[in-house]
Amino acid sequence: MKQSIYSILKGKFLISDDSFRNWRIILFISLLAIIMIASSHSVDRKVYEIARLNNEVKEWRSAFVDGRSKLMRLKMESGIVEKMAVKDIYISENPPQKIKVKSSRD
């Protein structure tokens, strides 16, 4: 038992006659570790991108709501009356009347 632990610590399993089998396993495990690390970095990059895009969506939504509220204030009749008063255009005293045209298709 003591001898096998010393042989593992000294690395004799890497240089012995049947070490090719051991090297294949070591290379395979190393390749899997590299793939796992690359995958982890890729996931982290995507998480940061998603967080950035969520913040950007919140900013655009806030800008949209702000623009919509400004538009609602601009469309109010009182605001339009004030702006037209500067140009000497006022609200009519008489309400509009409908003009009915009868067409004769005879």
PDB file of N, CA and C in Angstrom:
ATOM      1  N   MET A   1       0.819  -1.192   0.000  1.00  0.00           N
ATOM      2  CA  MET A   1       0.000   0.000   0.000  1.00  0.00           C
ATOM      3  C   MET A   1       0.862   1.254   0.000  1.00  0.00           C
ATOM      4  N   LYS A   2       1.872   1.229   0.880  1.00  0.00           N
ATOM      5  CA  LYS A   2       2.772   2.361   0.984  1.00  0.00           C
ATOM      6  C   LYS A   2       3.556   2.548  -0.314  1.00  0.00           C
ATOM      7  N   GLN A   3       3.949   1.437  -0.915  1.00  0.00           N
ATOM      8  CA  GLN A   3       4.712   1.477  -2.168  1.00  0.00           C
ATOM      9  C   GLN A   3       3.865   2.044  -3.307  1.00  0.00           C
ATOM     10  N   SER A   4       2.576   1.693  -3.384  1.00  0.00           N
ATOM     11  CA  SER A   4       1.723   2.187  -4.462  1.00  0.00           C
ATOM     12  C   SER A   4       1.473   3.688  -4.324  1.00  0.00           C
ATOM     13  N   ILE A   5       1.364   4.177  -3.105  1.00  0.00           N
ATOM     14  CA  ILE A   5       1.186   5.622  -2.901  1.00  0.00           C
ATOM     15  C   ILE A   5       2.436   6.372  -3.330  1.00  0.00           C
ATOM     16  N   TYR A   6       3.612   5.839  -2.993  1.00  0.00           N
ATOM     17  CA  TYR A   6       4.859   6.478  -3.417  1.00  0.00           C
ATOM     18  C   TYR A   6       5.003   6.472  -4.932  1.00  0.00           C
ATOM     19  N   SER A   7       4.596   5.383  -5.569  1.00  0.00           N
ATOM     20  CA  SER A   7       4.716   5.319  -7.030  1.00  0.00           C
ATOM     21  C   SER A   7       3.778   6.331  -7.704  1.00  0.00           C
ATOM     22  N   ILE A   8       2.595   6.547  -7.124  1.00  0.00           N
ATOM     23  CA  ILE A   8       1.673   7.550  -7.690  1.00  0.00           C
ATOM     24  C   ILE A   8       2.232   8.946  -7.484  1.00  0.00           C
ATOM     25  N   LEU A   9       2.764   9.214  -6.285  1.00  0.00           N
ATOM     26  CA  LEU A   9       3.325  10.536  -6.005  1.00  0.00           C
ATOM     27  C   LEU A   9       4.560  10.828  -6.855  1.00  0.00           C
ATOM     28  N   LYS A  10       5.349   9.820  -7.153  1.00  0.00           N
ATOM     29  CA  LYS A  10       6.547  10.014  -7.979  1.00  0.00           C
ATOM     30  C   LYS A  10       6.204  10.092  -9.462  1.00  0.00           C
ATOM     31  N   GLY A  11       5.008   9.660  -9.835  1.00  0.00           N
ATOM     32  CA  GLY A  11       4.595   9.740 -11.234  1.00  0.00           C
ATOM     33  C   GLY A  11       5.043   8.564 -12.068  1.00  0.00           C
ATOM     34  N   LYS A  12       5.286   7.432 -11.454  1.00  0.00           N
ATOM     35  CA  LYS A  12       5.735   6.259 -12.197  1.00  0.00           C
ATOM     36  C   LYS A  12       4.649   5.728 -13.133  1.00  0.00           C
ATOM     37  N   PHE A  13       3.400   6.004 -12.834  1.00  0.00           N
ATOM     38  CA  PHE A  13       2.324   5.531 -13.706  1.00  0.00           C
ATOM     39  C   PHE A  13       2.325   6.280 -15.047  1.00  0.00           C
ATOM     40  N   LEU A  14       3.066   7.379 -15.122  1.00  0.00           N
ATOM     41  CA  LEU A  14       3.150   8.127 -16.379  1.00  0.00           C
ATOM     42  C   LEU A  14       4.309   7.669 -17.258  1.00  0.00           C
ATOM     43  N   ILE A  15       5.275   7.025 -16.675  1.00  0.00           N
ATOM     44  CA  ILE A  15       6.449   6.624 -17.463  1.00  0.00           C
ATOM     45  C   ILE A  15       6.633   5.115 -17.547  1.00  0.00           C
ATOM     46  N   SER A  16       5.717   4.358 -16.999  1.00  0.00           N
ATOM     47  CA  SER A  16       5.850   2.897 -17.056  1.00  0.00           C
ATOM     48  C   SER A  16       5.504   2.396 -18.461  1.00  0.00           C
ATOM     49  N   ASP A  17       5.622   1.087 -18.656  1.00  0.00           N
ATOM     50  CA  ASP A  17       5.416   0.493 -19.978  1.00  0.00           C
ATOM     51  C   ASP A  17       3.982   0.637 -20.477  1.00  0.00           C
ATOM     52  N   ASP A  18       3.007   0.528 -19.624  1.00  0.00           N
ATOM     53  CA  ASP A  18       1.611   0.648 -20.046  1.00  0.00           C
ATOM     54  C   ASP A  18       1.044   2.045 -19.745  1.00  0.00           C
ATOM     55  N   SER A  19       1.894   3.036 -19.838  1.00  0.00           N
ATOM     56  CA  SER A  19       1.481   4.403 -19.503  1.00  0.00           C
ATOM     57  C   SER A  19       0.626   5.047 -20.594  1.00  0.00           C
ATOM     58  N   PHE A  20       0.638   4.475 -21.794  1.00  0.00           N
ATOM     59  CA  PHE A  20      -0.166   5.064 -22.878  1.00  0.00           C
ATOM     60  C   PHE A  20      -1.635   5.119 -22.490  1.00  0.00           C
ATOM     61  N   ARG A  21      -2.127   4.097 -21.836  1.00  0.00           N
ATOM     62  CA  ARG A  21      -3.521   4.049 -21.397  1.00  0.00           C
ATOM     63  C   ARG A  21      -3.783   5.175 -20.383  1.00  0.00           C
ATOM     64  N   ASN A  22      -2.828   5.371 -19.476  1.00  0.00           N
ATOM     65  CA  ASN A  22      -2.976   6.431 -18.476  1.00  0.00           C
ATOM     66  C   ASN A  22      -2.954   7.814 -19.125  1.00  0.00           C
ATOM     67  N   TRP A  23      -2.091   8.015 -20.101  1.00  0.00           N
ATOM     68  CA  TRP A  23      -1.995   9.313 -20.773  1.00  0.00           C
ATOM     69  C   TRP A  23      -3.291   9.623 -21.521  1.00  0.00           C
ATOM     70  N   ARG A  24      -3.903   8.607 -22.135  1.00  0.00           N
ATOM     71  CA  ARG A  24      -5.168   8.841 -22.836  1.00  0.00           C
ATOM     72  C   ARG A  24      -6.237   9.336 -21.870  1.00  0.00           C
ATOM     73  N   ILE A  25      -6.319   8.720 -20.716  1.00  0.00           N
ATOM     74  CA  ILE A  25      -7.320   9.128 -19.725  1.00  0.00           C
ATOM     75  C   ILE A  25      -7.018  10.542 -19.224  1.00  0.00           C
ATOM     76  N   ILE A  26      -5.748  10.826 -18.954  1.00  0.00           N
ATOM     77  CA  ILE A  26      -5.374  12.168 -18.474  1.00  0.00           C
ATOM     78  C   ILE A  26      -5.695  13.225 -19.516  1.00  0.00           C
ATOM     79  N   LEU A  27      -5.375  12.937 -20.787  1.00  0.00           N
ATOM     80  CA  LEU A  27      -5.676  13.905 -21.849  1.00  0.00           C
ATOM     81  C   LEU A  27      -7.184  14.083 -22.032  1.00  0.00           C
ATOM     82  N   PHE A  28      -7.912  12.981 -21.919  1.00  0.00           N
ATOM     83  CA  PHE A  28      -9.371  13.069 -22.049  1.00  0.00           C
ATOM     84  C   PHE A  28      -9.970  13.917 -20.927  1.00  0.00           C
ATOM     85  N   ILE A  29      -9.526  13.696 -19.701  1.00  0.00           N
ATOM     86  CA  ILE A  29     -10.021  14.476 -18.559  1.00  0.00           C
ATOM     87  C   ILE A  29      -9.609  15.941 -18.693  1.00  0.00           C
ATOM     88  N   SER A  30      -8.395  16.192 -19.189  1.00  0.00           N
ATOM     89  CA  SER A  30      -7.952  17.574 -19.397  1.00  0.00           C
ATOM     90  C   SER A  30      -8.802  18.261 -20.453  1.00  0.00           C
ATOM     91  N   LEU A  31      -9.116  17.560 -21.527  1.00  0.00           N
ATOM     92  CA  LEU A  31      -9.962  18.124 -22.577  1.00  0.00           C
ATOM     93  C   LEU A  31     -11.361  18.450 -22.044  1.00  0.00           C
ATOM     94  N   LEU A  32     -11.911  17.539 -21.249  1.00  0.00           N
ATOM     95  CA  LEU A  32     -13.222  17.798 -20.644  1.00  0.00           C
ATOM     96  C   LEU A  32     -13.178  19.008 -19.712  1.00  0.00           C
ATOM     97  N   ALA A  33     -12.093  19.160 -18.959  1.00  0.00           N
ATOM     98  CA  ALA A  33     -11.959  20.310 -18.055  1.00  0.00           C
ATOM     99  C   ALA A  33     -11.887  21.612 -18.845  1.00  0.00           C
ATOM    100  N   ILE A  34     -11.148  21.605 -19.954  1.00  0.00           N
ATOM    101  CA  ILE A  34     -11.041  22.809 -20.791  1.00  0.00           C
ATOM    102  C   ILE A  34     -12.396  23.160 -21.400  1.00  0.00           C
ATOM    103  N   ILE A  35     -13.119  22.158 -21.858  1.00  0.00           N
ATOM    104  CA  ILE A  35     -14.457  22.403 -22.420  1.00  0.00           C
ATOM    105  C   ILE A  35     -15.394  22.953 -21.352  1.00  0.00           C
ATOM    106  N   MET A  36     -15.314  22.418 -20.145  1.00  0.00           N
ATOM    107  CA  MET A  36     -16.163  22.884 -19.054  1.00  0.00           C
ATOM    108  C   MET A  36     -15.843  24.334 -18.690  1.00  0.00           C
ATOM    109  N   ILE A  37     -14.580  24.697 -18.651  1.00  0.00           N
ATOM    110  CA  ILE A  37     -14.183  26.067 -18.334  1.00  0.00           C
ATOM    111  C   ILE A  37     -14.655  27.026 -19.425  1.00  0.00           C
ATOM    112  N   ALA A  38     -14.481  26.625 -20.684  1.00  0.00           N
ATOM    113  CA  ALA A  38     -14.926  27.478 -21.796  1.00  0.00           C
ATOM    114  C   ALA A  38     -16.439  27.659 -21.766  1.00  0.00           C
ATOM    115  N   SER A  39     -17.152  26.591 -21.455  1.00  0.00           N
ATOM    116  CA  SER A  39     -18.608  26.682 -21.366  1.00  0.00           C
ATOM    117  C   SER A  39     -19.032  27.618 -20.242  1.00  0.00           C
ATOM    118  N   SER A  40     -18.355  27.536 -19.130  1.00  0.00           N
ATOM    119  CA  SER A  40     -18.658  28.406 -17.994  1.00  0.00           C
ATOM    120  C   SER A  40     -18.427  29.876 -18.349  1.00  0.00           C
ATOM    121  N   HIS A  41     -17.326  30.163 -19.041  1.00  0.00           N
ATOM    122  CA  HIS A  41     -17.056  31.541 -19.463  1.00  0.00           C
ATOM    123  C   HIS A  41     -18.119  32.027 -20.446  1.00  0.00           C
ATOM    124  N   SER A  42     -18.529  31.151 -21.328  1.00  0.00           N
ATOM    125  CA  SER A  42     -19.567  31.516 -22.298  1.00  0.00           C
ATOM    126  C   SER A  42     -20.881  31.837 -21.598  1.00  0.00           C
ATOM    127  N   VAL A  43     -21.234  31.047 -20.613  1.00  0.00           N
ATOM    128  CA  VAL A  43     -22.470  31.286 -19.867  1.00  0.00           C
ATOM    129  C   VAL A  43     -22.382  32.607 -19.109  1.00  0.00           C
ATOM    130  N   ASP A  44     -21.242  32.861 -18.480  1.00  0.00           N
ATOM    131  CA  ASP A  44     -21.068  34.127 -17.761  1.00  0.00           C
ATOM    132  C   ASP A  44     -21.214  35.318 -18.698  1.00  0.00           C
ATOM    133  N   ARG A  45     -20.623  35.218 -19.882  1.00  0.00           N
ATOM    134  CA  ARG A  45     -20.715  36.294 -20.866  1.00  0.00           C
ATOM    135  C   ARG A  45     -22.174  36.530 -21.269  1.00  0.00           C
ATOM    136  N   LYS A  46     -22.917  35.448 -21.440  1.00  0.00           N
ATOM    137  CA  LYS A  46     -24.324  35.579 -21.823  1.00  0.00           C
ATOM    138  C   LYS A  46     -25.154  36.172 -20.691  1.00  0.00           C
ATOM    139  N   VAL A  47     -24.842  35.809 -19.457  1.00  0.00           N
ATOM    140  CA  VAL A  47     -25.576  36.369 -18.316  1.00  0.00           C
ATOM    141  C   VAL A  47     -25.353  37.880 -18.234  1.00  0.00           C
ATOM    142  N   TYR A  48     -24.115  38.320 -18.416  1.00  0.00           N
ATOM    143  CA  TYR A  48     -23.831  39.757 -18.393  1.00  0.00           C
ATOM    144  C   TYR A  48     -24.531  40.469 -19.551  1.00  0.00           C
ATOM    145  N   GLU A  49     -24.565  39.840 -20.710  1.00  0.00           N
ATOM    146  CA  GLU A  49     -25.248  40.432 -21.872  1.00  0.00           C
ATOM    147  C   GLU A  49     -26.751  40.553 -21.610  1.00  0.00           C
ATOM    148  N   ILE A  50     -27.343  39.528 -21.002  1.00  0.00           N
ATOM    149  CA  ILE A  50     -28.775  39.573 -20.689  1.00  0.00           C
ATOM    150  C   ILE A  50     -29.066  40.678 -19.679  1.00  0.00           C
ATOM    151  N   ALA A  51     -28.216  40.821 -18.679  1.00  0.00           N
ATOM    152  CA  ALA A  51     -28.411  41.885 -17.684  1.00  0.00           C
ATOM    153  C   ALA A  51     -28.299  43.255 -18.331  1.00  0.00           C
ATOM    154  N   ARG A  52     -27.341  43.428 -19.244  1.00  0.00           N
ATOM    155  CA  ARG A  52     -27.174  44.710 -19.928  1.00  0.00           C
ATOM    156  C   ARG A  52     -28.398  45.011 -20.788  1.00  0.00           C
ATOM    157  N   LEU A  53     -28.884  44.000 -21.504  1.00  0.00           N
ATOM    158  CA  LEU A  53     -30.053  44.206 -22.354  1.00  0.00           C
ATOM    159  C   LEU A  53     -31.306  44.502 -21.525  1.00  0.00           C
ATOM    160  N   ASN A  54     -31.453  43.862 -20.357  1.00  0.00           N
ATOM    161  CA  ASN A  54     -32.592  44.163 -19.488  1.00  0.00           C
ATOM    162  C   ASN A  54     -32.555  45.611 -19.012  1.00  0.00           C
ATOM    163  N   ASN A  55     -31.357  46.092 -18.662  1.00  0.00           N
ATOM    164  CA  ASN A  55     -31.234  47.498 -18.263  1.00  0.00           C
ATOM    165  C   ASN A  55     -31.579  48.425 -19.415  1.00  0.00           C
ATOM    166  N   GLU A  56     -31.145  48.065 -20.606  1.00  0.00           N
ATOM    167  CA  GLU A  56     -31.439  48.887 -21.779  1.00  0.00           C
ATOM    168  C   GLU A  56     -32.944  48.906 -22.070  1.00  0.00           C
ATOM    169  N   VAL A  57     -33.606  47.767 -21.898  1.00  0.00           N
ATOM    170  CA  VAL A  57     -35.058  47.708 -22.107  1.00  0.00           C
ATOM    171  C   VAL A  57     -35.766  48.604 -21.097  1.00  0.00           C
ATOM    172  N   LYS A  58     -35.319  48.585 -19.848  1.00  0.00           N
ATOM    173  CA  LYS A  58     -35.925  49.446 -18.825  1.00  0.00           C
ATOM    174  C   LYS A  58     -35.749  50.918 -19.186  1.00  0.00           C
ATOM    175  N   GLU A  59     -34.565  51.288 -19.688  1.00  0.00           N
ATOM    176  CA  GLU A  59     -34.328  52.682 -20.079  1.00  0.00           C
ATOM    177  C   GLU A  59     -35.232  53.082 -21.240  1.00  0.00           C
ATOM    178  N   TRP A  60     -35.360  52.211 -22.248  1.00  0.00           N
ATOM    179  CA  TRP A  60     -36.215  52.532 -23.397  1.00  0.00           C
ATOM    180  C   TRP A  60     -37.682  52.616 -22.981  1.00  0.00           C
ATOM    181  N   ARG A  61     -38.111  51.733 -22.094  1.00  0.00           N
ATOM    182  CA  ARG A  61     -39.498  51.767 -21.620  1.00  0.00           C
ATOM    183  C   ARG A  61     -39.762  53.061 -20.855  1.00  0.00           C
ATOM    184  N   SER A  62     -38.804  53.486 -20.048  1.00  0.00           N
ATOM    185  CA  SER A  62     -38.940  54.738 -19.306  1.00  0.00           C
ATOM    186  C   SER A  62     -39.010  55.926 -20.269  1.00  0.00           C
ATOM    187  N   ALA A  63     -38.165  55.909 -21.303  1.00  0.00           N
ATOM    188  CA  ALA A  63     -38.191  56.982 -22.303  1.00  0.00           C
ATOM    189  C   ALA A  63     -39.524  56.988 -23.041  1.00  0.00           C
ATOM    190  N   PHE A  64     -40.064  55.811 -23.330  1.00  0.00           N
ATOM    191  CA  PHE A  64     -41.349  55.711 -24.019  1.00  0.00           C
ATOM    192  C   PHE A  64     -42.469  56.297 -23.169  1.00  0.00           C
ATOM    193  N   VAL A  65     -42.499  55.939 -21.890  1.00  0.00           N
ATOM    194  CA  VAL A  65     -43.544  56.450 -20.999  1.00  0.00           C
ATOM    195  C   VAL A  65     -43.418  57.965 -20.853  1.00  0.00           C
ATOM    196  N   ASP A  66     -42.199  58.445 -20.746  1.00  0.00           N
ATOM    197  CA  ASP A  66     -41.982  59.888 -20.640  1.00  0.00           C
ATOM    198  C   ASP A  66     -42.456  60.605 -21.906  1.00  0.00           C
ATOM    199  N   GLY A  67     -42.116  60.058 -23.061  1.00  0.00           N
ATOM    200  CA  GLY A  67     -42.559  60.659 -24.327  1.00  0.00           C
ATOM    201  C   GLY A  67     -44.064  60.621 -24.473  1.00  0.00           C
ATOM    202  N   ARG A  68     -44.675  59.522 -24.057  1.00  0.00           N
ATOM    203  CA  ARG A  68     -46.126  59.414 -24.161  1.00  0.00           C
ATOM    204  C   ARG A  68     -46.814  60.434 -23.253  1.00  0.00           C
ATOM    205  N   SER A  69     -46.284  60.643 -22.046  1.00  0.00           N
ATOM    206  CA  SER A  69     -46.897  61.624 -21.146  1.00  0.00           C
ATOM    207  C   SER A  69     -46.726  63.045 -21.693  1.00  0.00           C
ATOM    208  N   LYS A  70     -45.579  63.344 -22.299  1.00  0.00           N
ATOM    209  CA  LYS A  70     -45.386  64.667 -22.921  1.00  0.00           C
ATOM    210  C   LYS A  70     -46.371  64.862 -24.065  1.00  0.00           C
ATOM    211  N   LEU A  71     -46.569  63.830 -24.858  1.00  0.00           N
ATOM    212  CA  LEU A  71     -47.514  63.913 -25.973  1.00  0.00           C
ATOM    213  C   LEU A  71     -48.933  64.144 -25.467  1.00  0.00           C
ATOM    214  N   MET A  72     -49.311  63.470 -24.401  1.00  0.00           N
ATOM    215  CA  MET A  72     -50.651  63.660 -23.843  1.00  0.00           C
ATOM    216  C   MET A  72     -50.838  65.100 -23.368  1.00  0.00           C
ATOM    217  N   ARG A  73     -49.800  65.673 -22.762  1.00  0.00           N
ATOM    218  CA  ARG A  73     -49.900  67.066 -22.318  1.00  0.00           C
ATOM    219  C   ARG A  73     -49.986  68.010 -23.514  1.00  0.00           C
ATOM    220  N   LEU A  74     -49.258  67.706 -24.583  1.00  0.00           N
ATOM    221  CA  LEU A  74     -49.298  68.568 -25.775  1.00  0.00           C
ATOM    222  C   LEU A  74     -50.651  68.494 -26.472  1.00  0.00           C
ATOM    223  N   LYS A  75     -51.315  67.352 -26.398  1.00  0.00           N
ATOM    224  CA  LYS A  75     -52.590  67.175 -27.088  1.00  0.00           C
ATOM    225  C   LYS A  75     -53.779  67.735 -26.300  1.00  0.00           C
ATOM    226  N   MET A  76     -53.559  68.161 -25.063  1.00  0.00           N
ATOM    227  CA  MET A  76     -54.661  68.691 -24.271  1.00  0.00           C
ATOM    228  C   MET A  76     -55.188  69.983 -24.896  1.00  0.00           C
ATOM    229  N   GLU A  77     -56.494  70.166 -24.840  1.00  0.00           N
ATOM    230  CA  GLU A  77     -57.129  71.312 -25.488  1.00  0.00           C
ATOM    231  C   GLU A  77     -56.640  72.629 -24.898  1.00  0.00           C
ATOM    232  N   SER A  78     -56.427  72.682 -23.598  1.00  0.00           N
ATOM    233  CA  SER A  78     -55.987  73.935 -22.973  1.00  0.00           C
ATOM    234  C   SER A  78     -54.613  74.361 -23.494  1.00  0.00           C
ATOM    235  N   GLY A  79     -53.729  73.403 -23.691  1.00  0.00           N
ATOM    236  CA  GLY A  79     -52.409  73.732 -24.222  1.00  0.00           C
ATOM    237  C   GLY A  79     -52.474  74.207 -25.659  1.00  0.00           C
ATOM    238  N   ILE A  80     -53.347  73.583 -26.447  1.00  0.00           N
ATOM    239  CA  ILE A  80     -53.485  73.981 -27.857  1.00  0.00           C
ATOM    240  C   ILE A  80     -54.089  75.373 -27.946  1.00  0.00           C
ATOM    241  N   VAL A  81     -55.089  75.666 -27.086  1.00  0.00           N
ATOM    242  CA  VAL A  81     -55.725  76.992 -27.095  1.00  0.00           C
ATOM    243  C   VAL A  81     -54.694  78.070 -26.773  1.00  0.00           C
ATOM    244  N   GLU A  82     -53.838  77.830 -25.795  1.00  0.00           N
ATOM    245  CA  GLU A  82     -52.812  78.816 -25.440  1.00  0.00           C
ATOM    246  C   GLU A  82     -51.840  79.046 -26.594  1.00  0.00           C
ATOM    247  N   LYS A  83     -51.436  77.983 -27.263  1.00  0.00           N
ATOM    248  CA  LYS A  83     -50.488  78.138 -28.370  1.00  0.00           C
ATOM    249  C   LYS A  83     -51.115  78.820 -29.577  1.00  0.00           C
ATOM    250  N   MET A  84     -52.389  78.565 -29.814  1.00  0.00           N
ATOM    251  CA  MET A  84     -53.064  79.200 -30.934  1.00  0.00           C
ATOM    252  C   MET A  84     -53.407  80.654 -30.624  1.00  0.00           C
ATOM    253  N   ALA A  85     -53.583  80.995 -29.357  1.00  0.00           N
ATOM    254  CA  ALA A  85     -53.872  82.380 -28.974  1.00  0.00           C
ATOM    255  C   ALA A  85     -52.691  83.275 -29.321  1.00  0.00           C
ATOM    256  N   VAL A  86     -51.494  82.742 -29.274  1.00  0.00           N
ATOM    257  CA  VAL A  86     -50.314  83.516 -29.654  1.00  0.00           C
ATOM    258  C   VAL A  86     -50.382  83.892 -31.134  1.00  0.00           C
ATOM    259  N   LYS A  87     -50.979  83.043 -31.942  1.00  0.00           N
ATOM    260  CA  LYS A  87     -51.104  83.286 -33.386  1.00  0.00           C
ATOM    261  C   LYS A  87     -52.443  83.927 -33.749  1.00  0.00           C
ATOM    262  N   ASP A  88     -53.163  84.425 -32.753  1.00  0.00           N
ATOM    263  CA  ASP A  88     -54.468  85.066 -32.932  1.00  0.00           C
ATOM    264  C   ASP A  88     -55.497  84.129 -33.550  1.00  0.00           C
ATOM    265  N   ILE A  89     -55.471  82.892 -33.152  1.00  0.00           N
ATOM    266  CA  ILE A  89     -56.486  81.923 -33.568  1.00  0.00           C
ATOM    267  C   ILE A  89     -57.201  81.486 -32.292  1.00  0.00           C
ATOM    268  N   TYR A  90     -58.546  81.648 -32.271  1.00  0.00           N
ATOM    269  CA  TYR A  90     -59.312  81.372 -31.065  1.00  0.00           C
ATOM    270  C   TYR A  90     -60.371  80.312 -31.354  1.00  0.00           C
ATOM    271  N   ILE A  91     -60.976  79.801 -30.270  1.00  0.00           N
ATOM    272  CA  ILE A  91     -62.039  78.815 -30.400  1.00  0.00           C
ATOM    273  C   ILE A  91     -63.290  79.505 -30.920  1.00  0.00           C
ATOM    274  N   SER A  92     -63.996  78.857 -31.798  1.00  0.00           N
ATOM    275  CA  SER A  92     -65.219  79.409 -32.370  1.00  0.00           C
ATOM    276  C   SER A  92     -66.298  79.481 -31.304  1.00  0.00           C
ATOM    277  N   GLU A  93     -67.075  80.574 -31.372  1.00  0.00           N
ATOM    278  CA  GLU A  93     -68.187  80.746 -30.439  1.00  0.00           C
ATOM    279  C   GLU A  93     -69.351  79.842 -30.822  1.00  0.00           C
ATOM    280  N   ASN A  94     -69.535  79.631 -32.126  1.00  0.00           N
ATOM    281  CA  ASN A  94     -70.629  78.811 -32.617  1.00  0.00           C
ATOM    282  C   ASN A  94     -70.121  77.398 -32.894  1.00  0.00           C
ATOM    283  N   PRO A  95     -70.873  76.404 -32.473  1.00  0.00           N
ATOM    284  CA  PRO A  95     -70.438  75.036 -32.764  1.00  0.00           C
ATOM    285  C   PRO A  95     -70.562  74.738 -34.260  1.00  0.00           C
ATOM    286  N   PRO A  96     -69.795  73.819 -34.753  1.00  0.00           N
ATOM    287  CA  PRO A  96     -69.875  73.496 -36.188  1.00  0.00           C
ATOM    288  C   PRO A  96     -71.216  72.847 -36.528  1.00  0.00           C
ATOM    289  N   GLN A  97     -71.640  73.069 -37.771  1.00  0.00           N
ATOM    290  CA  GLN A  97     -72.898  72.490 -38.232  1.00  0.00           C
ATOM    291  C   GLN A  97     -72.609  71.512 -39.346  1.00  0.00           C
ATOM    292  N   LYS A  98     -73.407  70.478 -39.404  1.00  0.00           N
ATOM    293  CA  LYS A  98     -73.244  69.468 -40.437  1.00  0.00           C
ATOM    294  C   LYS A  98     -73.890  69.952 -41.723  1.00  0.00           C
ATOM    295  N   ILE A  99     -73.222  69.703 -42.812  1.00  0.00           N
ATOM    296  CA  ILE A  99     -73.777  70.021 -44.124  1.00  0.00           C
ATOM    297  C   ILE A  99     -74.191  68.696 -44.741  1.00  0.00           C
ATOM    298  N   LYS A 100     -75.434  68.592 -45.067  1.00  0.00           N
ATOM    299  CA  LYS A 100     -75.957  67.361 -45.663  1.00  0.00           C
ATOM    300  C   LYS A 100     -76.162  67.588 -47.151  1.00  0.00           C
ATOM    301  N   VAL A 101     -75.576  66.743 -47.937  1.00  0.00           N
ATOM    302  CA  VAL A 101     -75.711  66.828 -49.391  1.00  0.00           C
ATOM    303  C   VAL A 101     -76.496  65.623 -49.837  1.00  0.00           C
ATOM    304  N   LYS A 102     -77.581  65.863 -50.521  1.00  0.00           N
ATOM    305  CA  LYS A 102     -78.382  64.766 -51.052  1.00  0.00           C
ATOM    306  C   LYS A 102     -78.025  64.588 -52.502  1.00  0.00           C
ATOM    307  N   SER A 103     -77.612  63.406 -52.806  1.00  0.00           N
ATOM    308  CA  SER A 103     -77.266  63.128 -54.194  1.00  0.00           C
ATOM    309  C   SER A 103     -78.459  62.534 -54.898  1.00  0.00           C
ATOM    310  N   SER A 104     -78.664  62.954 -56.130  1.00  0.00           N
ATOM    311  CA  SER A 104     -79.794  62.428 -56.895  1.00  0.00           C
ATOM    312  C   SER A 104     -79.238  61.452 -57.937  1.00  0.00           C
ATOM    313  N   ARG A 105     -79.525  60.199 -57.760  1.00  0.00           N
ATOM    314  CA  ARG A 105     -79.047  59.161 -58.675  1.00  0.00           C
ATOM    315  C   ARG A 105     -80.217  58.665 -59.522  1.00  0.00           C
ATOM    316  N   ASP A 106     -80.930  59.483 -60.059  1.00  0.00           N
ATOM    317  CA  ASP A 106     -82.083  59.084 -60.878  1.00  0.00           C
ATOM    318  C   ASP A 106     -81.744  59.148 -62.335  1.00  0.00           C
TER     319      ASP A 106
END
